[in-house]
Protein backbone atom coordinates (compact mmCIF):
# COMPACT_ATOMS: atom_id res chain seq x y z
CA UNK A 1 12.24 26.88 -5.09
CA UNK A 2 13.13 23.59 -6.89
CA UNK A 3 13.09 20.26 -4.11
CA UNK A 4 16.38 18.67 -3.97
CA UNK A 5 14.95 15.23 -3.83
CA UNK A 6 12.82 13.73 -6.58
CA UNK A 7 9.82 11.16 -6.18
CA UNK A 8 7.46 8.98 -7.28
CA UNK A 9 3.88 8.53 -5.83
CA UNK A 10 1.76 5.21 -7.22
CA UNK A 11 -1.95 5.60 -6.06
CA UNK A 12 -4.53 3.24 -6.41
CA UNK A 13 -8.25 3.19 -6.11
CA UNK A 14 -10.63 0.24 -5.22
CA UNK A 15 -7.31 -2.18 -5.16
CA UNK A 16 -9.84 -4.86 -3.70
CA UNK A 17 -11.67 -5.11 -7.00
CA UNK A 18 -8.46 -5.89 -8.56
CA UNK A 19 -7.11 -8.08 -6.11
CA UNK A 20 -10.43 -10.26 -6.31
CA UNK A 21 -9.52 -10.51 -9.79
CA UNK A 22 -6.03 -11.10 -9.80
CA UNK A 23 -4.73 -11.73 -6.12
CA UNK A 24 -1.00 -13.19 -6.96
CA UNK A 25 -0.65 -9.76 -9.76
CA UNK A 26 -1.82 -7.55 -6.90
CA UNK A 27 0.44 -8.72 -3.94
CA UNK A 28 3.26 -9.08 -6.40
CA UNK A 29 2.85 -5.54 -7.48
CA UNK A 30 2.86 -3.76 -4.09
CA UNK A 31 5.52 -6.36 -2.85
CA UNK A 32 7.94 -4.69 -5.93
CA UNK A 33 6.69 -1.20 -4.85
CA UNK A 34 7.67 -1.91 -0.91
CA UNK A 35 11.30 -3.61 -1.74
CA UNK A 36 11.45 -1.01 -4.48
CA UNK A 37 11.11 2.03 -2.05
CA UNK A 38 13.62 1.22 0.06
CA UNK A 39 16.02 1.08 -2.58
CA UNK A 40 14.73 4.30 -3.75
CA UNK A 41 15.29 6.21 -0.57
CA UNK A 42 18.91 4.51 -0.40
CA UNK A 43 19.63 6.38 -3.33
CA UNK A 44 18.01 9.57 -2.17
CA UNK A 45 14.61 9.42 -4.24
CA UNK A 46 11.11 8.55 -2.96
CA UNK A 47 8.47 5.97 -4.07
CA UNK A 48 5.63 6.06 -2.14
CA UNK A 49 2.41 3.52 -3.12
CA UNK A 50 -1.25 4.45 -1.70
CA UNK A 51 -3.71 1.93 -1.94
CA UNK A 52 -7.47 2.74 -1.72
CA UNK A 53 -9.83 -0.28 -0.90
CA UNK A 54 -13.93 -0.59 -0.27
CA UNK A 55 -13.10 -3.81 1.57
CA UNK A 56 -12.45 -3.42 5.43
CA UNK A 57 -10.95 -7.28 5.45
CA UNK A 58 -8.59 -6.53 2.39
CA UNK A 59 -5.10 -8.02 3.85
CA UNK A 60 -1.98 -9.33 2.20
CA UNK A 61 1.19 -11.20 3.52
CA UNK A 62 4.24 -9.34 4.63
CA UNK A 63 5.28 -7.03 1.15
CA UNK A 64 8.94 -6.68 1.08
CA UNK A 65 9.40 -8.33 4.34
CA UNK A 66 7.02 -5.72 6.37
CA UNK A 67 3.51 -6.06 6.97
CA UNK A 68 1.14 -3.43 5.19
CA UNK A 69 -0.58 -0.78 7.58
CA UNK A 70 -4.18 1.04 7.68
CA UNK A 71 -4.08 4.72 7.65
CA UNK A 72 -4.52 5.58 11.46
CA UNK A 73 -7.90 7.25 11.06
CA UNK A 74 -9.13 3.70 9.38
CA UNK A 75 -7.27 1.41 11.71
CA UNK A 76 -9.86 0.64 14.66
CA UNK A 77 -12.35 -2.06 13.10
CA UNK A 78 -15.45 0.28 13.96
CA UNK A 79 -13.68 3.11 11.04
CA UNK A 80 -13.37 0.54 8.29
CA UNK A 81 -17.16 -1.01 8.86
CA UNK A 82 -16.04 -3.81 10.91
CA UNK A 83 -17.64 -4.92 13.82
CA UNK A 84 -17.19 -7.03 16.86
CA UNK A 85 -13.16 -7.99 15.33
């Protein structure tokens, strides 16, 4: 069976390393993905961005007007290697 909807998944590993070297570019890449994911969805296509980081404190300003969320399994600070936050 061929799926009706098509889509793209963009996966980034160790994004914290890239972010330390190029913080503005790293933000803009994710911002562009977020903005276009809404546009793709309206057009019937899926665009999903998955970002992996080894830095539990990595954060960005709102992307496409929305906050970036942590994976539910990593949401608790203790699961992200952070204590007392």
